[in-house]
Amino acid sequence: MEKKELMLGNAAIARGAYEAGVRVVSSYPGTPSTEITENIVKYDEIYAEWAPNEKVAAEVAIGAAIGGARAMTCCKHVGLNVMADPVFTMSYIGANGGLVICVADDPGMHSSQNEQDSRHYAAASKIMMLEPSDSQECKEFTRIAFDMSEEYDTPAFIRLSTRVSHSQSIVTCGERKDAPLKDYIKDPQKYVMMPAMAKKRHVVVEERIAKLKEFAETTDLNPIENNNKKIGVISAGIAYVYAKEALGDSVNYLKLGMVYPLPEKKIIEFAKMCDKLYIIEELDPIIETHVRALGVECVGKEAFSLLGEYTPAMIKKAVLGEKAPECAEISEDIPVRPPVMCAGCPHRGTFYVLKKLGLTVSGDIGCYTLGAAAPLASVDTTICMGASVSAALGMAKARGDEFAKKLVSVIGDSTFMHSGITGLIDIVYNKGINTVIILDNSITGMTGHQDNPTTGKTIRGEATKQVNLIELCHACGIDSIVVADPFDVKNFEKVVKEEVEKDEPSVIIAQRPCALLKTVKYTGHCKIGDNCRNCKLCMKLGCPAITIKEGKVVIDETQCNGCGLCINVCPFGAISKEGN
């Protein structure tokens, strides 16, 4: 019996995977894709896991698909960079059980280090890509992607964006499809991609793309909405929803649900219906370039931005020349709220010390990236997952050992498992003397508290083997390893000073759990006494609970969770703790 539910786009993708008969899902958390796999856990029929990184996740899903199961892997756009190696080869191998790769782009960079259009990957790897516009399509397109994956012997991409992933709309839920495990037949010509086999499989890939191009011409995934108007719009994904909101029935639409490969005859046919054609797509001019290559005149990025997210108001102005408010008018000024580490964040003590010591800090991806913001202002570089370790070695080799003694890497426990280990091995193998600080907060923090190999729990909360960071670092060749509490500021400063001065590589494990974990039981709140000398040293912590009112430092007890870091920093003992 069908039922209707209000669902996030990500939850609808999970529902679609369930209804499609998926058996295996392996992912690495990354906003805005994380909730797909978190919702998969609700379905006991599906094996789900958090992998150490996206490459491993893709390979697990690939193995499951080769083994005959329908399988899926999910990531954000930069995660697709990490999994690209096996994904490109899988294009040649094809699929046994259906294989779907969900990638969520982040126009506007709400939680990312760059803007990246994953449609380039579809064309580069020659893998079909679908792009839903709302939650219902998220569910339906997932089911369709698995069917097409098996029918055309190919992996399939589903491209999402932050707004589709994190917006809610009504979804009609169906029953789970029986997708029996397909036979696995030994076939080196298909599954072993050494050059002799790969040359033959490339022929298969080109033949497959030709068939998919024909499919693109007739599929209901690419509908034309003929409103008998002189203006036409070609769009896809969330940009189509914005266009509909802005333009209504005043234009004709070609909505592309399949964004690779793109149709040709249908686009030419649609263009003939219109006197003027607009291409509305966020980020890069993928559709526009294709349309122009067909000899069709259109208006694209000359009227729309290459940057960030679109809005209905932007589209209305560009197409109709009409102004519309960007958002609802609010009579009162809203205070600016820059991103900040939470009250009680264990990373705050680390960056306070690093700033005090004036060290160069090679940073990484996670909550601790906020260590670059004032007043901590400690982090010098942030590139990608794991780069804090590798890049610091490059800086040290470029500038010499004396510079290395004024340099540290900071990397979270989950990020270290993701891609920091190989960088640490590189330091040891190539005789570096770098110091690496692993910020062990007992969880994957920034993406919403997912377990990882260092927590001792699986995605379902089941107990499992816990990676011992000390033993792991020893195995990488590190002899000098110190575990220290970053809230014990005096000792932590002493440890950092000692480790950076050593003529050998070293690791400091800054160990204190995330303040938001249910197991962390901070109590009471801190208060500033009458003996405060107003030196404002505590303000350098950047704690959201500590502010200045009427020229004096005060602690807002509604925001303070009683972590006590400010007590350890105050040189005059003017801060104490109240309450239980």
Protein backbone atom coordinates (compact mmCIF):
# COMPACT_ATOMS: atom_id res chain seq x y z
CA MET A 1 0.00 0.00 0.00
CA GLU A 2 1.43 3.39 -1.02
CA LYS A 3 1.86 6.12 1.56
CA LYS A 4 2.99 9.72 1.33
CA GLU A 5 5.74 11.21 3.49
CA LEU A 6 7.51 14.55 3.75
CA MET A 7 11.17 13.75 3.07
CA LEU A 8 14.54 15.39 2.62
CA GLY A 9 15.95 14.76 -0.83
CA ASN A 10 18.66 12.68 0.80
CA ALA A 11 16.12 10.58 2.70
CA ALA A 12 14.23 10.07 -0.56
CA ILE A 13 17.39 8.78 -2.24
CA ALA A 14 17.69 6.27 0.61
CA ARG A 15 14.06 5.30 0.17
CA GLY A 16 14.61 4.86 -3.56
CA ALA A 17 17.58 2.58 -2.89
CA TYR A 18 15.47 0.54 -0.50
CA GLU A 19 12.62 0.19 -2.98
CA ALA A 20 15.09 -0.70 -5.75
CA GLY A 21 16.29 -3.71 -3.78
CA VAL A 22 19.74 -2.41 -2.90
CA ARG A 23 21.77 -4.75 -0.70
CA VAL A 24 25.03 -2.87 0.02
CA VAL A 25 25.79 0.83 0.67
CA SER A 26 29.26 2.13 1.57
CA SER A 27 30.00 5.83 1.96
CA TYR A 28 32.10 8.44 3.72
CA PRO A 29 30.19 11.33 5.36
CA GLY A 30 30.35 14.66 3.58
CA THR A 31 27.87 17.52 3.60
CA PRO A 32 25.49 17.71 1.75
CA SER A 33 25.37 13.94 1.07
CA THR A 34 25.66 12.54 4.61
CA GLU A 35 21.97 11.95 5.36
CA ILE A 36 21.58 9.50 2.46
CA THR A 37 23.60 6.82 4.20
CA GLU A 38 22.30 7.80 7.63
CA ASN A 39 18.78 7.12 6.35
CA ILE A 40 19.86 3.85 4.75
CA VAL A 41 20.51 2.56 8.28
CA LYS A 42 16.74 2.58 8.88
CA TYR A 43 16.36 -0.32 6.46
CA ASP A 44 17.53 -3.59 7.97
CA GLU A 45 17.50 -5.27 4.54
CA ILE A 46 20.50 -3.16 3.46
CA TYR A 47 24.07 -3.61 4.67
CA ALA A 48 25.42 -0.11 5.36
CA GLU A 49 28.84 1.13 6.44
CA TRP A 50 31.00 4.17 6.87
CA ALA A 51 34.26 3.51 5.03
CA PRO A 52 37.56 5.21 5.99
CA ASN A 53 37.38 7.33 2.81
CA GLU A 54 35.46 7.68 -0.44
CA LYS A 55 37.86 5.58 -2.52
CA VAL A 56 37.40 2.64 -0.18
CA ALA A 57 33.65 3.23 -0.12
CA ALA A 58 33.47 3.14 -3.92
CA GLU A 59 35.56 -0.03 -4.06
CA VAL A 60 33.31 -1.77 -1.53
CA ALA A 61 30.24 -0.87 -3.57
CA ILE A 62 32.00 -1.92 -6.77
CA GLY A 63 32.91 -5.27 -5.27
CA ALA A 64 29.32 -5.80 -4.16
CA ALA A 65 28.03 -4.96 -7.65
CA ILE A 66 30.50 -7.31 -9.31
CA GLY A 67 29.37 -9.91 -6.80
CA GLY A 68 25.83 -9.57 -8.12
CA ALA A 69 24.18 -7.22 -5.62
CA ARG A 70 22.64 -3.83 -6.23
CA ALA A 71 25.03 -1.42 -4.51
CA MET A 72 25.43 2.30 -3.91
CA THR A 73 28.07 4.72 -2.68
CA CYS A 74 27.44 8.35 -1.69
CA CYS A 75 29.73 11.37 -1.36
CA LYS A 76 29.96 15.12 -1.72
CA HIS A 77 31.57 16.69 -4.79
CA VAL A 78 35.12 16.73 -3.44
CA GLY A 79 34.64 13.14 -2.28
CA LEU A 80 34.15 12.20 -5.92
CA ASN A 81 37.71 13.43 -6.50
CA VAL A 82 38.89 10.86 -3.98
CA MET A 83 36.92 7.98 -5.51
CA ALA A 84 37.63 8.94 -9.13
CA ASP A 85 40.32 6.29 -9.70
CA PRO A 86 38.10 3.21 -9.30
CA VAL A 87 35.06 5.00 -10.75
CA PHE A 88 36.73 5.73 -14.09
CA THR A 89 37.84 2.12 -14.45
CA MET A 90 34.40 0.87 -13.45
CA SER A 91 33.05 2.68 -16.51
CA TYR A 92 34.96 0.13 -18.58
CA ILE A 93 33.97 -2.83 -16.41
CA GLY A 94 30.30 -1.97 -16.31
CA ALA A 95 27.96 -3.55 -13.79
CA ASN A 96 26.67 -6.96 -12.80
CA GLY A 97 24.35 -5.94 -10.02
CA GLY A 98 23.26 -2.32 -10.46
CA LEU A 99 25.79 0.27 -9.24
CA VAL A 100 24.79 3.86 -8.42
CA ILE A 101 27.10 6.68 -7.30
CA CYS A 102 25.32 9.58 -5.57
CA VAL A 103 27.30 12.82 -5.61
CA ALA A 104 26.05 16.00 -3.94
CA ASP A 105 27.46 19.28 -5.23
CA ASP A 106 27.60 22.37 -3.02
CA PRO A 107 26.92 25.55 -5.06
CA GLY A 108 27.57 28.50 -2.79
CA MET A 109 30.10 26.51 -0.76
CA HIS A 110 27.96 26.26 2.36
CA SER A 111 30.25 23.55 3.73
CA SER A 112 33.03 23.04 1.20
CA GLN A 113 36.45 24.32 0.19
CA ASN A 114 35.49 24.81 -3.46
CA GLU A 115 32.63 24.86 -5.95
CA GLN A 116 32.79 21.95 -8.35
CA ASP A 117 30.44 20.76 -11.06
CA SER A 118 30.30 16.97 -10.99
CA ARG A 119 28.73 16.80 -14.43
CA HIS A 120 32.29 17.07 -15.76
CA TYR A 121 32.98 13.67 -14.19
CA ALA A 122 30.06 12.09 -16.03
CA ALA A 123 31.41 13.23 -19.39
CA ALA A 124 35.04 12.45 -18.51
CA SER A 125 34.29 8.94 -17.23
CA LYS A 126 31.52 8.33 -19.82
CA ILE A 127 29.04 7.31 -17.13
CA MET A 128 25.37 8.26 -17.41
CA MET A 129 24.09 10.87 -14.95
CA LEU A 130 20.59 11.69 -13.71
CA GLU A 131 19.72 14.89 -11.84
CA PRO A 132 16.49 15.09 -9.79
CA SER A 133 14.77 18.37 -8.94
CA ASP A 134 12.82 17.41 -5.79
CA SER A 135 12.41 14.63 -3.26
CA GLN A 136 9.90 12.62 -5.31
CA GLU A 137 12.29 12.62 -8.24
CA CYS A 138 15.14 11.70 -5.89
CA LYS A 139 13.30 8.50 -5.03
CA GLU A 140 12.14 7.73 -8.56
CA PHE A 141 15.44 8.58 -10.26
CA THR A 142 17.29 6.29 -7.84
CA ARG A 143 15.05 3.39 -8.78
CA ILE A 144 15.43 4.22 -12.49
CA ALA A 145 19.22 4.54 -12.14
CA PHE A 146 19.51 0.99 -10.82
CA ASP A 147 17.33 -0.39 -13.61
CA MET A 148 19.36 1.47 -16.24
CA SER A 149 22.65 0.42 -14.65
CA GLU A 150 21.76 -3.21 -15.18
CA GLU A 151 20.08 -2.73 -18.56
CA TYR A 152 23.02 -0.83 -20.07
CA ASP A 153 25.79 -2.59 -18.10
CA THR A 154 27.07 0.66 -16.60
CA PRO A 155 27.53 2.48 -13.32
CA ALA A 156 25.12 5.40 -12.96
CA PHE A 157 25.60 8.81 -11.35
CA ILE A 158 22.89 10.68 -9.49
CA ARG A 159 23.81 14.34 -9.12
CA LEU A 160 22.33 16.31 -6.23
CA SER A 161 22.88 19.82 -4.92
CA THR A 162 22.66 21.24 -1.43
CA ARG A 163 19.12 22.54 -1.99
CA VAL A 164 17.78 19.27 -3.40
CA SER A 165 19.55 17.21 -0.73
CA HIS A 166 18.37 19.35 2.17
CA SER A 167 14.93 20.49 1.02
CA GLN A 168 11.77 18.59 1.87
CA SER A 169 8.84 17.69 -0.35
CA ILE A 170 6.17 15.02 -0.53
CA VAL A 171 7.25 11.51 -1.56
CA THR A 172 4.96 8.64 -2.48
CA CYS A 173 6.52 5.52 -0.98
CA GLY A 174 6.18 2.10 -2.59
CA GLU A 175 7.18 -1.44 -1.74
CA ARG A 176 10.67 -2.91 -1.90
CA LYS A 177 11.46 -4.56 -5.22
CA ASP A 178 12.76 -8.10 -5.22
CA ALA A 179 16.21 -7.76 -6.83
CA PRO A 180 17.74 -11.24 -6.58
CA LEU A 181 21.49 -11.60 -6.27
CA LYS A 182 22.84 -12.06 -9.79
CA ASP A 183 25.19 -14.92 -10.54
CA TYR A 184 28.87 -14.14 -10.43
CA ILE A 185 30.66 -15.68 -13.39
CA LYS A 186 34.44 -15.58 -13.66
CA ASP A 187 35.17 -13.31 -16.63
CA PRO A 188 38.66 -11.75 -16.77
CA GLN A 189 37.85 -10.09 -20.10
CA LYS A 190 35.23 -7.99 -18.28
CA TYR A 191 36.62 -7.61 -14.78
CA VAL A 192 40.43 -7.53 -15.18
CA MET A 193 41.40 -4.15 -16.60
CA MET A 194 44.87 -4.82 -17.90
CA PRO A 195 45.61 -3.12 -21.24
CA ALA A 196 44.59 -5.97 -23.57
CA MET A 197 41.17 -6.28 -21.91
CA ALA A 198 40.69 -2.53 -21.37
CA LYS A 199 41.14 -1.80 -25.11
CA LYS A 200 38.21 -4.10 -25.89
CA ARG A 201 36.10 -2.69 -23.07
CA HIS A 202 36.64 0.85 -24.35
CA VAL A 203 34.81 -0.20 -27.52
CA VAL A 204 31.93 -1.39 -25.32
CA VAL A 205 31.87 1.97 -23.51
CA GLU A 206 31.52 3.91 -26.77
CA GLU A 207 28.78 1.59 -28.00
CA ARG A 208 26.97 2.04 -24.68
CA ILE A 209 27.15 5.84 -24.88
CA ALA A 210 25.70 5.73 -28.39
CA LYS A 211 22.73 3.71 -27.09
CA LEU A 212 22.27 6.08 -24.13
CA LYS A 213 22.26 9.06 -26.50
CA GLU A 214 19.37 7.47 -28.36
CA PHE A 215 17.63 6.82 -25.04
CA ALA A 216 18.05 10.50 -24.10
CA GLU A 217 16.00 11.51 -27.15
CA THR A 218 12.86 9.58 -26.16
CA THR A 219 12.93 9.13 -22.39
CA ASP A 220 10.33 10.69 -20.13
CA LEU A 221 13.26 11.86 -17.99
CA ASN A 222 13.67 14.75 -20.47
CA PRO A 223 10.13 16.16 -20.91
CA ILE A 224 9.15 19.18 -22.98
CA GLU A 225 6.55 21.51 -21.44
CA ASN A 226 4.99 23.40 -24.33
CA ASN A 227 3.13 26.47 -23.06
CA ASN A 228 2.97 27.95 -26.59
CA LYS A 229 5.27 30.80 -25.65
CA LYS A 230 8.05 32.52 -27.58
CA ILE A 231 10.69 32.05 -24.87
CA GLY A 232 12.19 28.65 -24.11
CA VAL A 233 14.18 27.49 -21.08
CA ILE A 234 16.40 24.44 -20.87
CA SER A 235 17.25 23.55 -17.29
CA ALA A 236 17.84 20.73 -14.82
CA GLY A 237 17.86 20.00 -11.10
CA ILE A 238 17.14 22.75 -8.63
CA ALA A 239 17.67 25.44 -11.31
CA TYR A 240 14.55 24.12 -13.06
CA VAL A 241 12.55 24.55 -9.84
CA TYR A 242 13.81 28.12 -9.50
CA ALA A 243 12.92 28.81 -13.14
CA LYS A 244 9.38 27.46 -12.67
CA GLU A 245 8.92 29.62 -9.59
CA ALA A 246 10.22 32.71 -11.33
CA LEU A 247 8.68 32.30 -14.79
CA GLY A 248 5.64 30.07 -14.30
CA ASP A 249 3.82 29.29 -17.56
CA SER A 250 5.21 32.34 -19.36
CA VAL A 251 7.89 30.23 -21.08
CA ASN A 252 8.33 26.74 -22.57
CA TYR A 253 10.57 24.26 -20.76
CA LEU A 254 12.85 21.40 -21.66
CA LYS A 255 13.56 19.79 -18.30
CA LEU A 256 16.62 17.57 -18.42
CA GLY A 257 16.46 14.77 -15.86
CA MET A 258 19.27 12.98 -17.67
CA VAL A 259 22.22 15.37 -17.82
CA TYR A 260 24.67 12.94 -19.42
CA PRO A 261 24.56 12.04 -22.19
CA LEU A 262 22.42 14.96 -23.36
CA PRO A 263 19.92 14.70 -26.21
CA GLU A 264 20.60 16.38 -29.54
CA LYS A 265 17.50 16.01 -31.72
CA LYS A 266 15.18 16.90 -28.84
CA ILE A 267 17.12 20.10 -28.09
CA ILE A 268 17.02 21.15 -31.76
CA GLU A 269 13.30 20.34 -31.89
CA PHE A 270 12.67 22.38 -28.72
CA ALA A 271 14.71 25.33 -29.97
CA LYS A 272 12.55 25.52 -33.12
CA MET A 273 9.51 26.05 -30.89
CA CYS A 274 11.01 29.25 -29.40
CA ASP A 275 12.17 32.61 -30.64
CA LYS A 276 14.65 32.94 -27.80
CA LEU A 277 16.29 30.20 -25.75
CA TYR A 278 17.73 30.48 -22.25
CA ILE A 279 19.97 27.88 -20.59
CA ILE A 280 19.58 28.03 -16.81
CA GLU A 281 22.07 25.87 -14.92
CA GLU A 282 24.09 26.40 -11.75
CA LEU A 283 27.89 26.39 -11.88
CA ASP A 284 29.48 25.50 -15.24
CA PRO A 285 27.96 25.91 -18.75
CA ILE A 286 27.70 22.17 -19.43
CA ILE A 287 24.27 22.26 -21.13
CA GLU A 288 25.02 25.60 -22.76
CA THR A 289 28.22 24.32 -24.36
CA HIS A 290 26.36 21.28 -25.69
CA VAL A 291 23.56 23.43 -27.11
CA ARG A 292 25.95 25.82 -28.81
CA ALA A 293 27.87 22.87 -30.28
CA LEU A 294 24.61 21.84 -31.99
CA GLY A 295 24.55 25.23 -33.73
CA VAL A 296 21.64 26.45 -31.62
CA GLU A 297 21.66 30.09 -30.51
CA CYS A 298 21.01 30.56 -26.81
CA VAL A 299 21.49 32.86 -23.86
CA GLY A 300 23.55 31.33 -21.06
CA LYS A 301 26.27 32.51 -18.76
CA GLU A 302 26.33 35.98 -20.27
CA ALA A 303 23.04 36.49 -18.40
CA PHE A 304 23.68 34.17 -15.45
CA SER A 305 26.53 33.72 -13.02
CA LEU A 306 29.22 31.04 -12.96
CA LEU A 307 29.29 31.54 -9.19
CA GLY A 308 27.17 30.15 -6.39
CA GLU A 309 23.47 29.44 -6.21
CA TYR A 310 20.74 30.97 -8.32
CA THR A 311 17.50 32.48 -7.04
CA PRO A 312 14.08 32.92 -8.66
CA ALA A 313 14.58 36.69 -8.45
CA MET A 314 17.83 36.47 -10.41
CA ILE A 315 16.17 34.34 -13.09
CA LYS A 316 13.11 36.57 -13.35
CA LYS A 317 15.25 39.64 -13.87
CA ALA A 318 17.50 37.95 -16.46
CA VAL A 319 14.68 36.43 -18.54
CA LEU A 320 11.73 38.80 -18.12
CA GLY A 321 13.52 41.96 -17.05
CA GLU A 322 11.32 42.15 -13.98
CA LYS A 323 12.59 42.84 -10.49
CA ALA A 324 11.53 40.68 -7.58
CA PRO A 325 12.68 40.64 -3.95
CA GLU A 326 15.43 38.08 -3.26
CA CYS A 327 13.67 37.07 -0.05
CA ALA A 328 10.94 38.15 2.35
CA GLU A 329 11.53 41.55 3.88
CA ILE A 330 12.34 41.54 7.61
CA SER A 331 11.81 44.79 9.49
CA GLU A 332 14.48 44.18 12.16
CA ASP A 333 18.19 43.91 11.54
CA ILE A 334 19.52 40.39 12.00
CA PRO A 335 22.90 40.18 13.72
CA VAL A 336 25.71 38.61 11.73
CA ARG A 337 26.62 35.15 13.04
CA PRO A 338 29.95 34.00 11.65
CA PRO A 339 30.81 30.29 11.99
CA VAL A 340 32.44 29.56 15.30
CA MET A 341 33.55 26.54 17.29
CA CYS A 342 30.93 25.42 19.79
CA ALA A 343 31.21 26.29 23.45
CA GLY A 344 33.36 23.58 25.02
CA CYS A 345 34.95 22.57 21.70
CA PRO A 346 38.15 20.63 22.51
CA HIS A 347 39.95 22.20 19.54
CA ARG A 348 39.81 25.67 21.11
CA GLY A 349 42.54 24.84 23.62
CA THR A 350 44.82 23.52 20.87
CA PHE A 351 44.55 26.61 18.71
CA TYR A 352 44.90 28.95 21.68
CA VAL A 353 48.27 27.37 22.42
CA LEU A 354 49.39 27.31 18.78
CA LYS A 355 48.51 31.01 18.40
CA LYS A 356 50.34 31.85 21.61
CA LEU A 357 53.47 30.04 20.40
CA GLY A 358 53.34 31.75 17.00
CA LEU A 359 53.62 28.50 15.07
CA THR A 360 52.82 28.02 11.40
CA VAL A 361 49.85 25.66 11.24
CA SER A 362 49.15 23.40 8.26
CA GLY A 363 45.40 22.81 8.55
CA ASP A 364 42.87 20.28 7.33
CA ILE A 365 39.16 19.70 6.69
CA GLY A 366 36.85 19.54 9.70
CA CYS A 367 35.49 21.62 12.58
CA TYR A 368 39.04 22.66 13.33
CA THR A 369 39.27 24.55 10.03
CA LEU A 370 37.55 27.28 12.06
CA GLY A 371 40.90 27.71 13.81
CA ALA A 372 41.66 30.10 10.94
CA ALA A 373 39.03 32.56 12.16
CA ALA A 374 39.71 35.38 14.61
CA PRO A 375 40.54 35.57 17.42
CA LEU A 376 42.32 32.19 17.31
CA ALA A 377 43.61 32.92 13.78
CA SER A 378 46.03 29.99 13.92
CA VAL A 379 45.53 28.00 10.72
CA ASP A 380 47.73 29.02 7.77
CA THR A 381 46.57 26.59 5.07
CA THR A 382 43.61 24.32 4.32
CA ILE A 383 43.62 22.42 1.04
CA CYS A 384 41.87 19.05 1.19
CA MET A 385 41.45 15.98 3.39
CA GLY A 386 44.85 14.84 4.65
CA ALA A 387 46.84 17.68 3.09
CA SER A 388 47.83 19.12 6.47
CA VAL A 389 50.37 16.33 6.92
CA SER A 390 51.73 16.07 3.37
CA ALA A 391 51.81 19.82 2.68
CA ALA A 392 53.67 20.48 5.93
CA LEU A 393 56.41 18.09 4.83
CA GLY A 394 56.67 20.00 1.56
CA MET A 395 56.94 23.30 3.42
CA ALA A 396 59.62 21.88 5.69
CA LYS A 397 61.63 20.44 2.80
CA ALA A 398 61.41 23.77 0.98
CA ARG A 399 62.41 25.94 3.94
CA GLY A 400 64.61 23.66 6.02
CA ASP A 401 64.66 22.03 9.46
CA GLU A 402 64.61 25.31 11.38
CA PHE A 403 61.31 26.18 9.76
CA ALA A 404 60.04 22.67 10.50
CA LYS A 405 60.57 23.40 14.20
CA LYS A 406 58.12 26.29 13.95
CA LEU A 407 55.53 24.28 12.03
CA VAL A 408 52.81 21.79 13.00
CA SER A 409 50.08 19.90 11.17
CA VAL A 410 46.62 19.62 12.70
CA ILE A 411 44.27 16.87 11.57
CA GLY A 412 41.16 15.25 13.09
CA ASP A 413 41.01 11.60 14.04
CA SER A 414 38.52 10.78 11.27
CA THR A 415 40.46 12.79 8.69
CA PHE A 416 43.67 11.08 9.77
CA MET A 417 42.03 7.73 9.04
CA HIS A 418 40.69 9.11 5.75
CA SER A 419 43.96 10.24 4.22
CA GLY A 420 46.45 11.35 6.86
CA ILE A 421 48.18 8.03 7.45
CA THR A 422 50.01 7.96 4.13
CA GLY A 423 51.24 11.52 4.70
CA LEU A 424 52.66 10.48 8.07
CA ILE A 425 54.42 7.54 6.44
CA ASP A 426 55.84 9.97 3.88
CA ILE A 427 57.31 12.11 6.66
CA VAL A 428 58.99 9.10 8.26
CA TYR A 429 60.16 7.52 5.00
CA ASN A 430 61.68 10.76 3.70
CA LYS A 431 63.38 11.71 6.98
CA GLY A 432 61.17 14.65 7.88
CA ILE A 433 61.13 16.06 11.41
CA ASN A 434 57.58 17.40 11.31
CA THR A 435 55.20 17.42 14.26
CA VAL A 436 51.64 16.25 13.59
CA ILE A 437 48.84 17.01 16.05
CA ILE A 438 45.92 14.58 15.78
CA LEU A 439 42.83 16.26 17.19
CA ASP A 440 41.09 13.24 18.70
CA ASN A 441 37.57 14.33 19.64
CA SER A 442 36.20 10.76 19.56
CA ILE A 443 33.84 11.35 16.61
CA THR A 444 33.51 12.73 13.08
CA GLY A 445 32.32 16.15 14.19
CA MET A 446 31.62 18.56 11.34
CA THR A 447 29.31 16.27 9.35
CA GLY A 448 27.10 15.53 12.35
CA HIS A 449 28.67 12.93 14.65
CA GLN A 450 29.33 9.86 12.54
CA ASP A 451 31.41 7.01 13.91
CA ASN A 452 34.73 6.16 12.30
CA PRO A 453 37.43 3.49 12.75
CA THR A 454 38.79 5.23 15.86
CA THR A 455 35.49 5.21 17.78
CA GLY A 456 34.99 1.45 18.09
CA LYS A 457 31.44 1.57 16.70
CA THR A 458 29.91 0.87 13.29
CA ILE A 459 27.33 3.04 11.53
CA ARG A 460 24.62 1.07 13.37
CA GLY A 461 26.28 1.64 16.75
CA GLU A 462 27.53 -1.93 17.01
CA ALA A 463 30.78 -2.55 18.87
CA THR A 464 33.77 -3.29 16.64
CA LYS A 465 37.56 -3.21 16.72
CA GLN A 466 38.83 0.26 17.59
CA VAL A 467 41.91 1.59 15.83
CA ASN A 468 44.57 2.48 18.40
CA LEU A 469 46.12 5.73 17.21
CA ILE A 470 49.23 5.28 19.33
CA GLU A 471 49.99 1.83 17.94
CA LEU A 472 49.12 2.97 14.43
CA CYS A 473 51.56 5.89 14.60
CA HIS A 474 54.23 3.59 16.01
CA ALA A 475 53.63 1.23 13.10
CA CYS A 476 54.15 4.16 10.71
CA GLY A 477 57.59 4.66 12.25
CA ILE A 478 56.92 7.41 14.81
CA ASP A 479 58.85 6.92 18.04
CA SER A 480 57.86 10.13 19.82
CA ILE A 481 54.11 10.07 20.58
CA VAL A 482 52.47 12.09 23.35
CA VAL A 483 48.83 12.07 24.42
CA ALA A 484 47.78 15.37 25.98
CA ASP A 485 44.58 17.14 27.00
CA PRO A 486 44.33 20.48 25.14
CA PHE A 487 42.32 21.94 28.03
CA ASP A 488 45.30 21.47 30.33
CA VAL A 489 46.75 24.54 28.69
CA LYS A 490 50.06 24.75 30.58
CA ASN A 491 50.95 21.12 30.00
CA PHE A 492 49.78 21.19 26.38
CA GLU A 493 51.97 24.22 25.69
CA LYS A 494 54.91 22.41 27.28
CA VAL A 495 54.30 19.31 25.16
CA VAL A 496 54.08 21.29 21.90
CA LYS A 497 57.29 23.18 22.67
CA GLU A 498 59.15 19.96 23.39
CA GLU A 499 57.90 18.04 20.35
CA VAL A 500 58.55 20.71 17.72
CA GLU A 501 62.14 21.06 18.95
CA LYS A 502 62.97 17.40 18.35
CA ASP A 503 65.14 16.33 15.45
CA GLU A 504 62.73 13.54 14.57
CA PRO A 505 59.11 13.26 13.48
CA SER A 506 56.61 13.31 16.32
CA VAL A 507 52.88 13.01 16.95
CA ILE A 508 50.80 14.75 19.61
CA ILE A 509 47.36 13.27 20.17
CA ALA A 510 45.22 16.12 21.50
CA GLN A 511 42.63 13.99 23.23
CA ARG A 512 39.33 15.38 24.51
CA PRO A 513 35.84 14.40 23.29
CA CYS A 514 33.50 16.69 21.39
CA ALA A 515 31.41 18.72 23.83
CA LEU A 516 28.23 17.77 21.98
CA LEU A 517 28.58 14.03 22.50
CA LYS A 518 25.90 12.53 24.73
CA THR A 519 28.61 10.92 26.83
CA VAL A 520 30.16 14.31 27.67
CA LYS A 521 28.58 15.61 30.86
CA TYR A 522 29.82 19.14 31.44
CA THR A 523 27.82 20.77 34.23
CA GLY A 524 27.18 24.23 35.62
CA HIS A 525 28.55 27.39 34.10
CA CYS A 526 31.54 29.67 34.51
CA LYS A 527 31.40 33.10 36.08
CA ILE A 528 33.79 36.05 36.26
CA GLY A 529 34.47 37.33 39.77
CA ASP A 530 35.12 40.79 41.15
CA ASN A 531 38.89 40.21 41.03
CA CYS A 532 38.86 40.28 37.21
CA ARG A 533 41.52 42.72 35.96
CA ASN A 534 39.84 43.01 32.54
CA CYS A 535 43.00 41.80 30.79
CA LYS A 536 40.74 40.18 28.19
CA LEU A 537 43.02 37.15 27.82
CA CYS A 538 39.96 34.89 27.95
CA MET A 539 38.56 36.74 24.92
CA LYS A 540 41.39 35.25 22.86
CA LEU A 541 39.69 31.85 23.17
CA GLY A 542 36.89 32.93 20.86
CA CYS A 543 34.31 31.19 23.03
CA PRO A 544 30.78 32.24 22.02
CA ALA A 545 29.79 32.45 25.70
CA ILE A 546 32.43 35.08 26.52
CA THR A 547 31.61 38.65 25.45
CA ILE A 548 32.22 42.25 26.43
CA LYS A 549 29.43 44.37 27.84
CA GLU A 550 29.93 47.97 28.90
CA GLY A 551 33.68 47.53 28.63
CA LYS A 552 33.85 44.46 30.88
CA VAL A 553 34.21 40.78 30.08
CA VAL A 554 31.14 38.70 30.93
CA ILE A 555 30.14 35.08 30.49
CA ASP A 556 26.66 34.33 29.18
CA GLU A 557 25.53 31.41 31.35
CA THR A 558 22.89 30.44 28.79
CA GLN A 559 25.66 29.61 26.31
CA CYS A 560 28.33 28.39 28.72
CA ASN A 561 28.37 24.62 29.27
CA GLY A 562 30.93 24.70 32.07
CA CYS A 563 33.81 23.16 30.12
CA GLY A 564 36.27 25.16 32.22
CA LEU A 565 38.83 26.09 29.56
CA CYS A 566 38.59 29.78 30.45
CA ILE A 567 39.35 28.92 34.09
CA ASN A 568 42.62 27.31 32.96
CA VAL A 569 43.53 30.34 30.84
CA CYS A 570 42.82 33.14 33.33
CA PRO A 571 46.15 34.16 34.95
CA PHE A 572 44.48 35.78 37.96
CA GLY A 573 42.05 33.07 39.01
CA ALA A 574 39.15 35.42 38.37
CA ILE A 575 36.95 32.79 36.70
CA SER A 576 35.21 30.10 38.70
CA LYS A 577 32.53 27.53 38.10
CA GLU A 578 29.02 27.63 39.52
CA GLY A 579 26.32 24.98 39.61
CA ASN A 580 26.45 21.21 39.22
